[in-house]
Amino acid sequence: MNYITLLGLAAATLTTISFLPQLLTVIKTKSTKDISLATFVIFCVGIFLWLMYGIAIKDAPVIAANAVTFILAGIILFYKLKFK
């Protein structure tokens, strides 16, 4: 594994886990009133497209980051719709 791949994996890890505190807060409080529905819908679509792009170019950091981010953001979006 070269240093560019490691750099990508480090960036992917940090940006992906940045959603974890928000997700835990949403699950704990059952509140999503301060989260924009439009923002999360657009974000989830964008992350899904990045995931498809990563799969198409066979880039592990892009695939891993966007797969996990899509799941985390998707759960937040689910809660946003559920508690609306």
N, C-alpha and C. Protein backbone atom coordinates (compact mmCIF):
# COMPACT_ATOMS: atom_id res chain seq x y z
N MET A 1 0.86 -1.17 0.00
CA MET A 1 0.00 0.00 0.00
C MET A 1 0.91 1.24 0.00
N ASN A 2 0.65 2.14 -0.92
CA ASN A 2 1.51 3.32 -1.02
C ASN A 2 0.99 4.46 -0.14
N TYR A 3 1.80 5.49 -0.02
CA TYR A 3 1.45 6.60 0.88
C TYR A 3 0.22 7.37 0.40
N ILE A 4 -0.04 7.41 -0.89
CA ILE A 4 -1.23 8.11 -1.39
C ILE A 4 -2.49 7.36 -0.96
N THR A 5 -2.45 6.05 -1.03
CA THR A 5 -3.59 5.25 -0.56
C THR A 5 -3.78 5.43 0.94
N LEU A 6 -2.70 5.43 1.69
CA LEU A 6 -2.79 5.66 3.14
C LEU A 6 -3.36 7.04 3.45
N LEU A 7 -2.95 8.03 2.70
CA LEU A 7 -3.49 9.38 2.87
C LEU A 7 -5.00 9.38 2.61
N GLY A 8 -5.41 8.72 1.56
CA GLY A 8 -6.84 8.62 1.24
C GLY A 8 -7.61 7.89 2.32
N LEU A 9 -7.04 6.81 2.84
CA LEU A 9 -7.71 6.06 3.90
C LEU A 9 -7.81 6.88 5.18
N ALA A 10 -6.77 7.65 5.50
CA ALA A 10 -6.82 8.51 6.68
C ALA A 10 -7.90 9.58 6.53
N ALA A 11 -7.94 10.22 5.37
CA ALA A 11 -8.97 11.23 5.12
C ALA A 11 -10.36 10.61 5.16
N ALA A 12 -10.50 9.45 4.56
CA ALA A 12 -11.78 8.75 4.54
C ALA A 12 -12.24 8.41 5.96
N THR A 13 -11.32 7.95 6.77
CA THR A 13 -11.65 7.58 8.15
C THR A 13 -12.14 8.79 8.94
N LEU A 14 -11.42 9.88 8.85
CA LEU A 14 -11.79 11.07 9.61
C LEU A 14 -13.11 11.68 9.17
N THR A 15 -13.31 11.80 7.85
CA THR A 15 -14.56 12.40 7.38
C THR A 15 -15.75 11.48 7.64
N THR A 16 -15.51 10.19 7.61
CA THR A 16 -16.60 9.25 7.86
C THR A 16 -17.00 9.23 9.32
N ILE A 17 -16.03 9.14 10.22
CA ILE A 17 -16.39 9.07 11.64
C ILE A 17 -16.91 10.40 12.17
N SER A 18 -16.78 11.45 11.39
CA SER A 18 -17.32 12.74 11.82
C SER A 18 -18.84 12.70 11.94
N PHE A 19 -19.49 11.76 11.28
CA PHE A 19 -20.94 11.63 11.38
C PHE A 19 -21.38 10.85 12.61
N LEU A 20 -20.48 10.12 13.22
CA LEU A 20 -20.84 9.29 14.36
C LEU A 20 -21.39 10.09 15.54
N PRO A 21 -20.77 11.21 15.95
CA PRO A 21 -21.36 11.97 17.06
C PRO A 21 -22.78 12.46 16.77
N GLN A 22 -23.03 12.90 15.54
CA GLN A 22 -24.38 13.36 15.18
C GLN A 22 -25.37 12.20 15.24
N LEU A 23 -24.96 11.06 14.70
CA LEU A 23 -25.84 9.90 14.72
C LEU A 23 -26.15 9.48 16.16
N LEU A 24 -25.15 9.44 17.01
CA LEU A 24 -25.37 9.05 18.41
C LEU A 24 -26.29 10.04 19.12
N THR A 25 -26.12 11.32 18.82
CA THR A 25 -27.00 12.34 19.41
C THR A 25 -28.44 12.15 18.95
N VAL A 26 -28.63 11.89 17.66
CA VAL A 26 -29.98 11.68 17.12
C VAL A 26 -30.62 10.46 17.76
N ILE A 27 -29.87 9.37 17.87
CA ILE A 27 -30.42 8.15 18.46
C ILE A 27 -30.74 8.37 19.94
N LYS A 28 -29.87 9.06 20.65
CA LYS A 28 -30.06 9.30 22.08
C LYS A 28 -31.23 10.22 22.36
N THR A 29 -31.31 11.33 21.62
CA THR A 29 -32.34 12.34 21.90
C THR A 29 -33.62 12.13 21.12
N LYS A 30 -33.57 11.32 20.09
CA LYS A 30 -34.72 11.11 19.19
C LYS A 30 -35.20 12.44 18.60
N SER A 31 -34.27 13.37 18.44
CA SER A 31 -34.61 14.68 17.90
C SER A 31 -33.75 14.98 16.67
N THR A 32 -34.42 15.43 15.62
CA THR A 32 -33.73 15.84 14.39
C THR A 32 -34.21 17.21 13.94
N LYS A 33 -34.81 17.97 14.84
CA LYS A 33 -35.42 19.24 14.45
C LYS A 33 -34.43 20.24 13.88
N ASP A 34 -33.18 20.17 14.27
CA ASP A 34 -32.18 21.13 13.79
C ASP A 34 -31.41 20.62 12.57
N ILE A 35 -31.84 19.50 12.02
CA ILE A 35 -31.19 18.93 10.84
C ILE A 35 -32.04 19.22 9.62
N SER A 36 -31.44 19.77 8.59
CA SER A 36 -32.16 20.10 7.37
C SER A 36 -32.44 18.84 6.55
N LEU A 37 -33.71 18.58 6.28
CA LEU A 37 -34.09 17.43 5.46
C LEU A 37 -33.51 17.54 4.06
N ALA A 38 -33.64 18.71 3.44
CA ALA A 38 -33.13 18.90 2.08
C ALA A 38 -31.62 18.65 2.02
N THR A 39 -30.91 19.16 3.01
CA THR A 39 -29.46 18.96 3.04
C THR A 39 -29.11 17.49 3.11
N PHE A 40 -29.78 16.74 3.97
CA PHE A 40 -29.44 15.33 4.13
C PHE A 40 -29.87 14.50 2.93
N VAL A 41 -30.96 14.84 2.29
CA VAL A 41 -31.36 14.13 1.07
C VAL A 41 -30.31 14.36 -0.01
N ILE A 42 -29.95 15.60 -0.24
CA ILE A 42 -28.94 15.92 -1.26
C ILE A 42 -27.61 15.27 -0.91
N PHE A 43 -27.23 15.33 0.36
CA PHE A 43 -25.97 14.74 0.79
C PHE A 43 -25.96 13.24 0.54
N CYS A 44 -27.03 12.55 0.92
CA CYS A 44 -27.09 11.10 0.74
C CYS A 44 -27.03 10.72 -0.74
N VAL A 45 -27.70 11.46 -1.59
CA VAL A 45 -27.62 11.19 -3.03
C VAL A 45 -26.19 11.41 -3.51
N GLY A 46 -25.56 12.49 -3.08
CA GLY A 46 -24.18 12.77 -3.47
C GLY A 46 -23.22 11.69 -3.00
N ILE A 47 -23.37 11.24 -1.77
CA ILE A 47 -22.51 10.18 -1.23
C ILE A 47 -22.74 8.88 -2.00
N PHE A 48 -23.98 8.59 -2.34
CA PHE A 48 -24.27 7.39 -3.13
C PHE A 48 -23.57 7.46 -4.49
N LEU A 49 -23.61 8.63 -5.11
CA LEU A 49 -22.93 8.79 -6.41
C LEU A 49 -21.42 8.65 -6.26
N TRP A 50 -20.84 9.19 -5.17
CA TRP A 50 -19.41 8.99 -4.91
C TRP A 50 -19.10 7.51 -4.72
N LEU A 51 -19.99 6.79 -4.05
CA LEU A 51 -19.80 5.35 -3.87
C LEU A 51 -19.79 4.64 -5.21
N MET A 52 -20.73 4.98 -6.07
CA MET A 52 -20.78 4.38 -7.41
C MET A 52 -19.51 4.71 -8.21
N TYR A 53 -19.05 5.94 -8.07
CA TYR A 53 -17.81 6.36 -8.72
C TYR A 53 -16.63 5.54 -8.20
N GLY A 54 -16.53 5.38 -6.91
CA GLY A 54 -15.45 4.60 -6.32
C GLY A 54 -15.45 3.17 -6.79
N ILE A 55 -16.64 2.58 -6.89
CA ILE A 55 -16.77 1.22 -7.41
C ILE A 55 -16.32 1.16 -8.86
N ALA A 56 -16.73 2.15 -9.64
CA ALA A 56 -16.39 2.17 -11.06
C ALA A 56 -14.89 2.26 -11.29
N ILE A 57 -14.19 3.05 -10.46
CA ILE A 57 -12.74 3.19 -10.65
C ILE A 57 -11.94 2.24 -9.75
N LYS A 58 -12.67 1.43 -8.96
CA LYS A 58 -12.04 0.43 -8.08
C LYS A 58 -11.04 1.07 -7.10
N ASP A 59 -11.49 2.13 -6.42
CA ASP A 59 -10.64 2.85 -5.48
C ASP A 59 -11.11 2.56 -4.06
N ALA A 60 -10.32 1.78 -3.33
CA ALA A 60 -10.71 1.32 -1.99
C ALA A 60 -11.03 2.45 -1.02
N PRO A 61 -10.21 3.51 -0.91
CA PRO A 61 -10.56 4.58 0.04
C PRO A 61 -11.89 5.27 -0.30
N VAL A 62 -12.14 5.48 -1.58
CA VAL A 62 -13.38 6.13 -1.99
C VAL A 62 -14.57 5.21 -1.70
N ILE A 63 -14.42 3.94 -1.99
CA ILE A 63 -15.50 2.98 -1.74
C ILE A 63 -15.78 2.87 -0.24
N ALA A 64 -14.74 2.66 0.55
CA ALA A 64 -14.92 2.46 1.99
C ALA A 64 -15.53 3.69 2.66
N ALA A 65 -14.96 4.84 2.37
CA ALA A 65 -15.45 6.07 3.00
C ALA A 65 -16.90 6.34 2.66
N ASN A 66 -17.23 6.20 1.40
CA ASN A 66 -18.59 6.54 0.99
C ASN A 66 -19.60 5.47 1.35
N ALA A 67 -19.20 4.22 1.42
CA ALA A 67 -20.13 3.17 1.87
C ALA A 67 -20.51 3.40 3.33
N VAL A 68 -19.52 3.63 4.17
CA VAL A 68 -19.80 3.83 5.59
C VAL A 68 -20.53 5.16 5.82
N THR A 69 -20.09 6.21 5.15
CA THR A 69 -20.76 7.51 5.29
C THR A 69 -22.21 7.44 4.82
N PHE A 70 -22.45 6.72 3.73
CA PHE A 70 -23.82 6.57 3.23
C PHE A 70 -24.69 5.86 4.27
N ILE A 71 -24.16 4.85 4.92
CA ILE A 71 -24.92 4.15 5.95
C ILE A 71 -25.21 5.08 7.13
N LEU A 72 -24.18 5.78 7.63
CA LEU A 72 -24.38 6.68 8.77
C LEU A 72 -25.34 7.81 8.44
N ALA A 73 -25.12 8.46 7.30
CA ALA A 73 -26.00 9.57 6.90
C ALA A 73 -27.40 9.05 6.59
N GLY A 74 -27.48 7.85 6.03
CA GLY A 74 -28.78 7.25 5.74
C GLY A 74 -29.58 6.98 7.00
N ILE A 75 -28.91 6.56 8.06
CA ILE A 75 -29.59 6.34 9.34
C ILE A 75 -30.10 7.67 9.90
N ILE A 76 -29.27 8.70 9.81
CA ILE A 76 -29.71 10.03 10.26
C ILE A 76 -30.90 10.49 9.44
N LEU A 77 -30.84 10.29 8.12
CA LEU A 77 -31.96 10.66 7.25
C LEU A 77 -33.22 9.86 7.62
N PHE A 78 -33.07 8.59 7.90
CA PHE A 78 -34.19 7.75 8.33
C PHE A 78 -34.84 8.34 9.58
N TYR A 79 -33.99 8.68 10.56
CA TYR A 79 -34.53 9.27 11.79
C TYR A 79 -35.18 10.63 11.53
N LYS A 80 -34.60 11.40 10.62
CA LYS A 80 -35.19 12.69 10.27
C LYS A 80 -36.61 12.50 9.73
N LEU A 81 -36.77 11.52 8.87
CA LEU A 81 -38.09 11.24 8.30
C LEU A 81 -39.03 10.63 9.35
N LYS A 82 -38.51 9.79 10.21
CA LYS A 82 -39.30 9.14 11.23
C LYS A 82 -39.80 10.12 12.29
N PHE A 83 -38.97 11.06 12.71
CA PHE A 83 -39.33 11.98 13.78
C PHE A 83 -39.84 13.32 13.25
N LYS A 84 -40.14 13.39 11.97
CA LYS A 84 -40.58 14.65 11.37
C LYS A 84 -41.89 15.12 11.93
